[in-house]
Amino acid sequence: MHRGGDIQLGADGCFSYRHLKSAGDGPISYDPSYFISKDKVDTVRARIMNARSKKPRPMKPSIPQETIDACEASWDAANEKKRKVDPKQHDASGVFVMTCRHSQVLFLCNIDMPGEQQQYIVACLEEVKDLIPLHAKIVQAYDVGCVTDHSLNLYPILSAGFRERVSFVINAMHSFGHQWVCQIVYSPRFYRGLCLTDAEGVERFWSRIRKLIGITRNQWVSNFTGPRVSFSDIVRTHAASG
């Protein structure tokens, strides 16, 4: 699959959108359509943990193991144990978003675990899978796409048949922070079919809604297991207005 794929997606987490426990919660009057529920994300996390508890599949990595290890050590997003906020003060560490080729929001997740753990990108991909044709192929841009790609090859995290339809690249700007051999394989500039796509639409999205950081940090949260009450509506309004 080196022709640009049928669908091009971006994904990233931002820890500026953490939520204070002291803000409290309130009633919820609707089911947010943009956020993936905590129940779904937790189910994906449990499946990932179960898969990783078993022996990895034999496979030849796309890049040397030492390169993967170096990329994993260099990027906070690849460090699943690095806690970026104080859990005593915050009940949500940040927000994870998936966008389409044109930087429009498809899905979001509340980040409630240390670091950018893989359940967020996997949960978003599986939501997309249910909405696209059975044979459609995805090119997923992610700042630690190399590490995620390697992990999904080692363990049966994505369903059989779907894994073969998903390939990863690293956002163009972020790729310069990776090892040179990693750039050759995962940079969009070397991926046939992506042309001048930079896959940095997610960063444009974060920049577009940066004024919401203070608002969402202190707003009510819902009193059920789903996401925050009104963040998705605020995001949709600001994204539409540019």
Foldseek 3Di string as FASTA:
>chain_A
DQAQFPWEKEKDWDQLQFAFVVLAADAFDDDDPAEDFPVLLVVLVVLLVVQVVDFWDDDDAPDDPVQLVVLLVQDQQNVQQAADDDVVTTQFRTKMFMATLQLHTRHMYTHRGGHNDPSGVVSVLVVVCVVDDLQTAYEYEYLSQSNVLVSVNGTVSDPPSNNVRYHYAYQQVSLVSGDPSNCCVHHLVNRHNSPPRRSCSNVVLCVQCVVCSVVSRNHHAHPDRGTRRCPSVVSNVSVVVD
